[in-house]
C-alpha atoms as a PDB file:
ATOM      1  CA  MET A   1       0.000   0.000   0.000  1.00  0.00           C
ATOM      2  CA  ARG A   2       1.099   3.588  -0.618  1.00  0.00           C
ATOM      3  CA  TYR A   3       0.896   6.367   1.971  1.00  0.00           C
ATOM      4  CA  PHE A   4       1.291  10.148   1.992  1.00  0.00           C
ATOM      5  CA  LEU A   5       3.007  11.697   5.013  1.00  0.00           C
ATOM      6  CA  GLU A   6       2.263  15.356   5.721  1.00  0.00           C
ATOM      7  CA  PHE A   7       4.944  17.102   7.790  1.00  0.00           C
ATOM      8  CA  SER A   8       6.757  20.332   8.651  1.00  0.00           C
ATOM      9  CA  TYR A   9      10.376  21.141   9.373  1.00  0.00           C
ATOM     10  CA  ALA A  10      12.728  23.966  10.224  1.00  0.00           C
ATOM     11  CA  GLY A  11      15.575  23.658   7.747  1.00  0.00           C
ATOM     12  CA  THR A  12      18.213  25.510   9.766  1.00  0.00           C
ATOM     13  CA  ASN A  13      20.090  22.413  10.930  1.00  0.00           C
ATOM     14  CA  TYR A  14      19.878  20.478   7.654  1.00  0.00           C
ATOM     15  CA  HIS A  15      21.483  20.473   4.225  1.00  0.00           C
ATOM     16  CA  GLY A  16      18.130  20.476   2.472  1.00  0.00           C
ATOM     17  CA  TRP A  17      15.635  17.673   1.926  1.00  0.00           C
ATOM     18  CA  GLN A  18      17.642  15.305  -0.264  1.00  0.00           C
ATOM     19  CA  ILE A  19      20.140  12.809   1.151  1.00  0.00           C
ATOM     20  CA  GLN A  20      23.724  14.088   0.888  1.00  0.00           C
ATOM     21  CA  PRO A  21      26.901  11.950   1.026  1.00  0.00           C
ATOM     22  CA  ASN A  22      28.623  13.967   3.770  1.00  0.00           C
ATOM     23  CA  ALA A  23      25.893  16.091   5.362  1.00  0.00           C
ATOM     24  CA  ILE A  24      22.712  15.558   7.355  1.00  0.00           C
ATOM     25  CA  SER A  25      19.406  15.972   5.479  1.00  0.00           C
ATOM     26  CA  ILE A  26      15.726  15.855   6.407  1.00  0.00           C
ATOM     27  CA  GLN A  27      15.201  12.848   4.137  1.00  0.00           C
ATOM     28  CA  GLU A  28      17.916  10.860   5.881  1.00  0.00           C
ATOM     29  CA  VAL A  29      16.581  11.602   9.365  1.00  0.00           C
ATOM     30  CA  MET A  30      12.999  10.753   8.412  1.00  0.00           C
ATOM     31  CA  GLU A  31      13.876   7.600   6.486  1.00  0.00           C
ATOM     32  CA  ASN A  32      15.963   6.333   9.401  1.00  0.00           C
ATOM     33  CA  ALA A  33      13.063   6.905  11.798  1.00  0.00           C
ATOM     34  CA  LEU A  34      10.489   5.327   9.487  1.00  0.00           C
ATOM     35  CA  SER A  35      12.696   2.323   8.685  1.00  0.00           C
ATOM     36  CA  THR A  36      13.325   1.712  12.394  1.00  0.00           C
ATOM     37  CA  LEU A  37       9.635   1.851  13.318  1.00  0.00           C
ATOM     38  CA  LEU A  38       8.515  -0.254  10.344  1.00  0.00           C
ATOM     39  CA  LYS A  39      11.455  -2.642  10.824  1.00  0.00           C
ATOM     40  CA  SER A  40      12.154  -2.504   7.103  1.00  0.00           C
ATOM     41  CA  PRO A  41      14.218  -0.180   4.843  1.00  0.00           C
ATOM     42  CA  THR A  42      11.788   2.522   3.698  1.00  0.00           C
ATOM     43  CA  THR A  43      12.349   5.213   1.069  1.00  0.00           C
ATOM     44  CA  LEU A  44      10.528   8.555   1.029  1.00  0.00           C
ATOM     45  CA  LEU A  45       9.839  10.473  -2.185  1.00  0.00           C
ATOM     46  CA  ALA A  46       8.955  14.102  -1.437  1.00  0.00           C
ATOM     47  CA  ALA A  47       6.979  16.758  -3.280  1.00  0.00           C
ATOM     48  CA  GLY A  48      10.178  18.693  -3.874  1.00  0.00           C
ATOM     49  CA  ARG A  49      13.795  19.172  -2.879  1.00  0.00           C
ATOM     50  CA  THR A  50      14.198  22.194  -0.638  1.00  0.00           C
ATOM     51  CA  ASP A  51      17.717  23.611  -0.414  1.00  0.00           C
ATOM     52  CA  THR A  52      19.960  23.923   2.630  1.00  0.00           C
ATOM     53  CA  GLY A  53      18.328  26.121   5.276  1.00  0.00           C
ATOM     54  CA  VAL A  54      14.894  26.318   3.607  1.00  0.00           C
ATOM     55  CA  HIS A  55      11.886  25.586   5.828  1.00  0.00           C
ATOM     56  CA  ALA A  56       8.561  23.834   5.158  1.00  0.00           C
ATOM     57  CA  ARG A  57       5.272  24.495   6.928  1.00  0.00           C
ATOM     58  CA  GLN A  58       3.635  21.864   4.733  1.00  0.00           C
ATOM     59  CA  MET A  59       5.511  19.132   2.898  1.00  0.00           C
ATOM     60  CA  PHE A  60       4.388  15.743   1.620  1.00  0.00           C
ATOM     61  CA  ALA A  61       6.276  12.549   0.876  1.00  0.00           C
ATOM     62  CA  HIS A  62       5.061   9.096  -0.137  1.00  0.00           C
ATOM     63  CA  PHE A  63       6.277   5.633   0.768  1.00  0.00           C
ATOM     64  CA  ASP A  64       5.157   2.044   0.263  1.00  0.00           C
ATOM     65  CA  SER A  65       4.556  -0.384   3.118  1.00  0.00           C
ATOM     66  CA  ASN A  66       2.273  -3.192   4.297  1.00  0.00           C
ATOM     67  CA  PHE A  67       1.278  -2.587   7.896  1.00  0.00           C
ATOM     68  CA  ASN A  68      -2.084  -3.109   9.575  1.00  0.00           C
ATOM     69  CA  VAL A  69      -4.634  -0.365  10.212  1.00  0.00           C
ATOM     70  CA  GLU A  70      -4.072  -0.425  13.974  1.00  0.00           C
ATOM     71  CA  PHE A  71      -0.390   0.386  13.525  1.00  0.00           C
ATOM     72  CA  GLN A  72      -1.182   3.116  10.995  1.00  0.00           C
ATOM     73  CA  GLN A  73      -3.065   5.014  13.694  1.00  0.00           C
ATOM     74  CA  LYS A  74      -0.066   4.829  16.037  1.00  0.00           C
ATOM     75  CA  LEU A  75       2.631   5.632  13.497  1.00  0.00           C
ATOM     76  CA  VAL A  76       2.197   9.423  13.476  1.00  0.00           C
ATOM     77  CA  TYR A  77       2.528   9.537  17.263  1.00  0.00           C
ATOM     78  CA  GLN A  78       5.537   7.206  17.271  1.00  0.00           C
ATOM     79  CA  LEU A  79       7.313   9.124  14.521  1.00  0.00           C
ATOM     80  CA  ASN A  80       6.891  12.390  16.413  1.00  0.00           C
ATOM     81  CA  GLN A  81       8.377  10.760  19.510  1.00  0.00           C
ATOM     82  CA  PHE A  82      11.286   9.419  17.479  1.00  0.00           C
ATOM     83  CA  LEU A  83      12.101  12.481  15.362  1.00  0.00           C
ATOM     84  CA  PRO A  84      13.950  15.629  16.551  1.00  0.00           C
ATOM     85  CA  SER A  85      11.856  18.638  17.598  1.00  0.00           C
ATOM     86  CA  ASP A  86      12.447  20.519  14.318  1.00  0.00           C
ATOM     87  CA  ILE A  87      10.598  17.871  12.254  1.00  0.00           C
ATOM     88  CA  VAL A  88       6.881  17.335  12.938  1.00  0.00           C
ATOM     89  CA  ILE A  89       4.557  14.764  11.345  1.00  0.00           C
ATOM     90  CA  HIS A  90       0.954  15.982  10.907  1.00  0.00           C
ATOM     91  CA  SER A  91      -0.878  13.156   9.174  1.00  0.00           C
ATOM     92  CA  LEU A  92      -0.628   9.820   7.384  1.00  0.00           C
ATOM     93  CA  ARG A  93      -3.127   8.961   4.641  1.00  0.00           C
ATOM     94  CA  GLN A  94      -3.435   6.000   2.315  1.00  0.00           C
ATOM     95  CA  VAL A  95      -3.431   6.912  -1.379  1.00  0.00           C
ATOM     96  CA  LYS A  96      -3.805   5.089  -4.662  1.00  0.00           C
ATOM     97  CA  LEU A  97      -0.857   2.910  -5.659  1.00  0.00           C
ATOM     98  CA  ASP A  98       0.096   5.204  -8.549  1.00  0.00           C
ATOM     99  CA  ALA A  99      -0.134   8.444  -6.509  1.00  0.00           C
ATOM    100  CA  HIS A 100       3.120  10.422  -6.492  1.00  0.00           C
ATOM    101  CA  ALA A 101       4.018  13.174  -4.019  1.00  0.00           C
ATOM    102  CA  ARG A 102       6.012  15.114  -6.605  1.00  0.00           C
ATOM    103  CA  PHE A 103       4.285  14.536  -9.932  1.00  0.00           C
ATOM    104  CA  ASP A 104       0.680  14.724  -8.670  1.00  0.00           C
ATOM    105  CA  ALA A 105       1.124  18.102  -6.961  1.00  0.00           C
ATOM    106  CA  LEU A 106      -1.058  20.695  -8.700  1.00  0.00           C
ATOM    107  CA  LEU A 107       0.133  23.854  -6.944  1.00  0.00           C
ATOM    108  CA  ARG A 108       2.927  24.839  -4.592  1.00  0.00           C
ATOM    109  CA  THR A 109       3.057  28.017  -2.503  1.00  0.00           C
ATOM    110  CA  TYR A 110       6.160  29.637  -1.009  1.00  0.00           C
ATOM    111  CA  GLU A 111       6.593  32.578   1.344  1.00  0.00           C
ATOM    112  CA  TYR A 112       9.694  34.704   1.788  1.00  0.00           C
ATOM    113  CA  HIS A 113       9.986  36.667   5.041  1.00  0.00           C
ATOM    114  CA  ILE A 114      11.857  39.958   5.287  1.00  0.00           C
ATOM    115  CA  SER A 115      12.525  41.998   8.411  1.00  0.00           C
ATOM    116  CA  ILE A 116      13.081  45.738   7.991  1.00  0.00           C
ATOM    117  CA  LYS A 117      14.205  46.240  11.581  1.00  0.00           C
ATOM    118  CA  LYS A 118      16.640  44.540  13.919  1.00  0.00           C
ATOM    119  CA  VAL A 119      15.010  41.892  16.095  1.00  0.00           C
ATOM    120  CA  ALA A 120      16.406  39.711  18.854  1.00  0.00           C
ATOM    121  CA  PHE A 121      14.584  36.484  18.014  1.00  0.00           C
ATOM    122  CA  GLU A 122      14.037  34.120  15.087  1.00  0.00           C
ATOM    123  CA  ASN A 123      16.845  35.572  12.988  1.00  0.00           C
ATOM    124  CA  ASP A 124      17.210  32.194  11.285  1.00  0.00           C
ATOM    125  CA  LEU A 125      13.643  32.554   9.942  1.00  0.00           C
ATOM    126  CA  HIS A 126      13.860  35.823   8.015  1.00  0.00           C
ATOM    127  CA  TYR A 127      16.228  38.016   6.004  1.00  0.00           C
ATOM    128  CA  GLN A 128      16.975  41.452   7.392  1.00  0.00           C
ATOM    129  CA  VAL A 129      17.077  44.461   5.052  1.00  0.00           C
ATOM    130  CA  ASN A 130      18.305  47.662   6.684  1.00  0.00           C
ATOM    131  CA  GLN A 131      17.281  50.023   3.891  1.00  0.00           C
ATOM    132  CA  THR A 132      13.909  51.486   2.941  1.00  0.00           C
ATOM    133  CA  LEU A 133      12.027  49.410   0.376  1.00  0.00           C
ATOM    134  CA  ASP A 134       9.376  50.791  -1.993  1.00  0.00           C
ATOM    135  CA  PHE A 135       6.501  48.405  -1.212  1.00  0.00           C
ATOM    136  CA  ASP A 136       4.326  49.576  -4.126  1.00  0.00           C
ATOM    137  CA  LEU A 137       7.125  49.197  -6.671  1.00  0.00           C
ATOM    138  CA  MET A 138       7.845  45.644  -5.499  1.00  0.00           C
ATOM    139  CA  ASN A 139       4.177  44.716  -5.798  1.00  0.00           C
ATOM    140  CA  ALA A 140       3.945  46.254  -9.258  1.00  0.00           C
ATOM    141  CA  ALA A 141       6.900  44.113 -10.331  1.00  0.00           C
ATOM    142  CA  ALA A 142       5.372  41.026  -8.723  1.00  0.00           C
ATOM    143  CA  GLN A 143       2.274  41.418 -10.921  1.00  0.00           C
ATOM    144  CA  ILE A 144       4.451  41.457 -14.040  1.00  0.00           C
ATOM    145  CA  LEU A 145       5.494  37.886 -13.214  1.00  0.00           C
ATOM    146  CA  LEU A 146       1.924  36.748 -14.004  1.00  0.00           C
ATOM    147  CA  GLU A 147       2.378  37.849 -17.632  1.00  0.00           C
ATOM    148  CA  TYR A 148       5.166  35.321 -18.315  1.00  0.00           C
ATOM    149  CA  GLN A 149       5.778  31.570 -18.292  1.00  0.00           C
ATOM    150  CA  ASP A 150       9.493  31.207 -19.067  1.00  0.00           C
ATOM    151  CA  PHE A 151      11.586  32.006 -15.986  1.00  0.00           C
ATOM    152  CA  GLU A 152      15.063  30.960 -17.098  1.00  0.00           C
ATOM    153  CA  SER A 153      16.390  34.311 -15.835  1.00  0.00           C
ATOM    154  CA  PHE A 154      15.625  33.186 -12.275  1.00  0.00           C
ATOM    155  CA  SER A 155      16.856  29.600 -12.562  1.00  0.00           C
ATOM    156  CA  LYS A 156      20.072  28.285 -11.080  1.00  0.00           C
ATOM    157  CA  SER A 157      22.777  28.126 -13.749  1.00  0.00           C
ATOM    158  CA  LYS A 158      23.767  24.776 -15.267  1.00  0.00           C
ATOM    159  CA  THR A 159      20.574  23.060 -14.195  1.00  0.00           C
ATOM    160  CA  ASP A 160      19.405  19.853 -15.876  1.00  0.00           C
ATOM    161  CA  VAL A 161      15.703  20.738 -16.247  1.00  0.00           C
ATOM    162  CA  LYS A 162      14.039  20.136 -19.627  1.00  0.00           C
ATOM    163  CA  THR A 163      11.890  23.274 -19.507  1.00  0.00           C
ATOM    164  CA  PHE A 164      11.908  26.642 -17.744  1.00  0.00           C
ATOM    165  CA  LEU A 165       8.140  27.049 -18.080  1.00  0.00           C
ATOM    166  CA  CYS A 166       6.143  27.674 -14.881  1.00  0.00           C
ATOM    167  CA  ASP A 167       2.556  28.824 -14.468  1.00  0.00           C
ATOM    168  CA  ILE A 168       2.569  31.456 -11.708  1.00  0.00           C
ATOM    169  CA  SER A 169      -0.984  32.097 -10.497  1.00  0.00           C
ATOM    170  CA  TYR A 170      -0.278  34.399  -7.525  1.00  0.00           C
ATOM    171  CA  ALA A 171       2.551  36.744  -6.523  1.00  0.00           C
ATOM    172  CA  LYS A 172       2.169  39.483  -3.919  1.00  0.00           C
ATOM    173  CA  TRP A 173       3.915  41.325  -1.094  1.00  0.00           C
ATOM    174  CA  THR A 174       2.040  41.874   2.176  1.00  0.00           C
ATOM    175  CA  ASN A 175       2.952  43.620   5.419  1.00  0.00           C
ATOM    176  CA  SER A 176       4.007  41.628   8.469  1.00  0.00           C
ATOM    177  CA  GLU A 177       4.834  42.482  12.059  1.00  0.00           C
ATOM    178  CA  LYS A 178       8.559  42.523  11.245  1.00  0.00           C
ATOM    179  CA  GLY A 179       8.420  43.823   7.693  1.00  0.00           C
ATOM    180  CA  TYR A 180       7.190  42.138   4.517  1.00  0.00           C
ATOM    181  CA  ILE A 181       6.175  38.690   3.271  1.00  0.00           C
ATOM    182  CA  PHE A 182       6.313  37.719  -0.392  1.00  0.00           C
ATOM    183  CA  THR A 183       3.883  34.933  -1.352  1.00  0.00           C
ATOM    184  CA  ILE A 184       4.048  33.117  -4.684  1.00  0.00           C
ATOM    185  CA  THR A 185       2.045  30.170  -6.059  1.00  0.00           C
ATOM    186  CA  ALA A 186       2.803  28.128  -9.181  1.00  0.00           C
ATOM    187  CA  ASN A 187       2.411  24.662 -10.603  1.00  0.00           C
ATOM    188  CA  ARG A 188       6.194  24.169 -10.378  1.00  0.00           C
ATOM    189  CA  PHE A 189       9.337  26.089  -9.452  1.00  0.00           C
ATOM    190  CA  LEU A 190      12.862  26.042 -10.832  1.00  0.00           C
ATOM    191  CA  ARG A 191      15.921  25.558  -8.653  1.00  0.00           C
ATOM    192  CA  ASN A 192      16.621  28.799  -6.742  1.00  0.00           C
ATOM    193  CA  MET A 193      13.744  30.533  -8.572  1.00  0.00           C
ATOM    194  CA  VAL A 194      11.924  32.089  -5.607  1.00  0.00           C
ATOM    195  CA  ARG A 195      15.113  33.358  -3.969  1.00  0.00           C
ATOM    196  CA  SER A 196      16.351  35.022  -7.159  1.00  0.00           C
ATOM    197  CA  ILE A 197      12.915  36.550  -7.864  1.00  0.00           C
ATOM    198  CA  VAL A 198      12.828  37.993  -4.331  1.00  0.00           C
ATOM    199  CA  GLY A 199      16.373  39.350  -4.685  1.00  0.00           C
ATOM    200  CA  THR A 200      15.424  41.051  -7.951  1.00  0.00           C
ATOM    201  CA  LEU A 201      12.242  42.517  -6.451  1.00  0.00           C
ATOM    202  CA  ILE A 202      14.261  43.852  -3.510  1.00  0.00           C
ATOM    203  CA  GLU A 203      16.628  45.603  -5.932  1.00  0.00           C
ATOM    204  CA  ILE A 204      13.570  47.178  -7.578  1.00  0.00           C
ATOM    205  CA  GLY A 205      12.304  48.162  -4.119  1.00  0.00           C
ATOM    206  CA  LEU A 206      15.696  49.747  -3.396  1.00  0.00           C
ATOM    207  CA  LYS A 207      15.516  51.474  -6.828  1.00  0.00           C
ATOM    208  CA  LYS A 208      18.718  49.802  -7.941  1.00  0.00           C
ATOM    209  CA  LYS A 209      16.775  48.343 -10.875  1.00  0.00           C
ATOM    210  CA  LYS A 210      14.003  50.180 -12.701  1.00  0.00           C
ATOM    211  CA  LEU A 211      10.504  48.704 -12.731  1.00  0.00           C
ATOM    212  CA  GLU A 212      10.208  49.163 -16.498  1.00  0.00           C
ATOM    213  CA  LYS A 213      13.320  46.997 -16.964  1.00  0.00           C
ATOM    214  CA  PHE A 214      11.684  44.018 -15.258  1.00  0.00           C
ATOM    215  CA  HIS A 215      10.064  42.868 -18.518  1.00  0.00           C
ATOM    216  CA  GLN A 216      13.495  42.814 -20.155  1.00  0.00           C
ATOM    217  CA  ILE A 217      15.043  40.937 -17.214  1.00  0.00           C
ATOM    218  CA  ILE A 218      12.502  38.131 -17.663  1.00  0.00           C
ATOM    219  CA  SER A 219      12.446  38.021 -21.467  1.00  0.00           C
ATOM    220  CA  VAL A 220      16.234  37.987 -21.950  1.00  0.00           C
ATOM    221  CA  LYS A 221      16.375  34.537 -20.251  1.00  0.00           C
ATOM    222  CA  LYS A 222      19.778  35.078 -18.637  1.00  0.00           C
ATOM    223  CA  ARG A 223      20.459  34.607 -14.925  1.00  0.00           C
ATOM    224  CA  SER A 224      23.006  37.427 -15.032  1.00  0.00           C
ATOM    225  CA  ALA A 225      20.231  39.899 -15.919  1.00  0.00           C
ATOM    226  CA  ALA A 226      18.321  39.271 -12.687  1.00  0.00           C
ATOM    227  CA  GLY A 227      19.225  40.346  -9.172  1.00  0.00           C
ATOM    228  CA  PHE A 228      20.975  38.604  -6.299  1.00  0.00           C
ATOM    229  CA  SER A 229      19.650  35.482  -4.619  1.00  0.00           C
ATOM    230  CA  VAL A 230      18.394  36.110  -1.083  1.00  0.00           C
ATOM    231  CA  PRO A 231      19.495  33.769   1.756  1.00  0.00           C
ATOM    232  CA  ALA A 232      17.630  30.485   2.200  1.00  0.00           C
ATOM    233  CA  LYS A 233      16.679  31.163   5.824  1.00  0.00           C
ATOM    234  CA  GLY A 234      13.716  33.416   4.931  1.00  0.00           C
ATOM    235  CA  LEU A 235      12.099  30.900   2.564  1.00  0.00           C
ATOM    236  CA  PHE A 236       9.156  28.674   3.553  1.00  0.00           C
ATOM    237  CA  LEU A 237       7.274  26.092   1.524  1.00  0.00           C
ATOM    238  CA  THR A 238       3.794  26.722   2.925  1.00  0.00           C
ATOM    239  CA  LYS A 239       1.240  24.764   0.901  1.00  0.00           C
ATOM    240  CA  ILE A 240       0.954  21.946  -1.644  1.00  0.00           C
ATOM    241  CA  LYS A 241      -2.334  21.123  -3.371  1.00  0.00           C
ATOM    242  CA  TYR A 242      -3.223  17.650  -4.696  1.00  0.00           C
ATOM    243  CA  PRO A 243      -6.273  16.324  -6.520  1.00  0.00           C
ATOM    244  CA  ASP A 244      -8.798  14.839  -4.095  1.00  0.00           C
ATOM    245  CA  ASN A 245      -9.113  11.598  -6.059  1.00  0.00           C
ATOM    246  CA  ILE A 246      -5.636  10.331  -5.130  1.00  0.00           C
ATOM    247  CA  TYR A 247      -6.761   9.576  -1.560  1.00  0.00           C
ATOM    248  CA  ILE A 248      -8.423   6.345  -0.482  1.00  0.00           C
END
């Protein structure tokens, strides 16, 4: 049988989701816990591969196993007892045998958190900008993203993806207690895409890049045309949407 795990994690202490040869990852920690409790080697396939230091408020991964219903009800509790405090399991649901945590995801939403003032706490959960940002200019640029589908200018260089096409359905800055939050939703994201978009929007907000040049930055399809990539610590994967018919 196939199962979807829903979970959250703070990425500060990990080198991203995917198993690394010489560094600790969320996947390694979770697979070790799951394999121990199920008493069988168990592999997790996640909805995406977050980079070092990136956080997830909602992430999904699937695995295959044959355990009884009674144990299924206990597994979430046991995993939370077994895992470190910065990884939390929320639910376990049986899905169809061909359901896939990555390929069946319809939409993904990310948030990027910026502080515009010095704070004493949670500095590993936001990026601090000590200069005045033009909020309206950044939001005007964010709306321009909805006019395009090819985002090669914001993709990590030398990536092995077959296409740079993404369907962005929402992109907006909002105010927060500390500063600003950028929220973006799309069917898929390229490696480093959100962080480089945010860096470019910040440069527009600082008036280092002109708003009217943003169209050219996107259409030229060169990473060098866009702005800097903001640190991973302010980035959160916040929501993943799946079709209802994958669940049993």
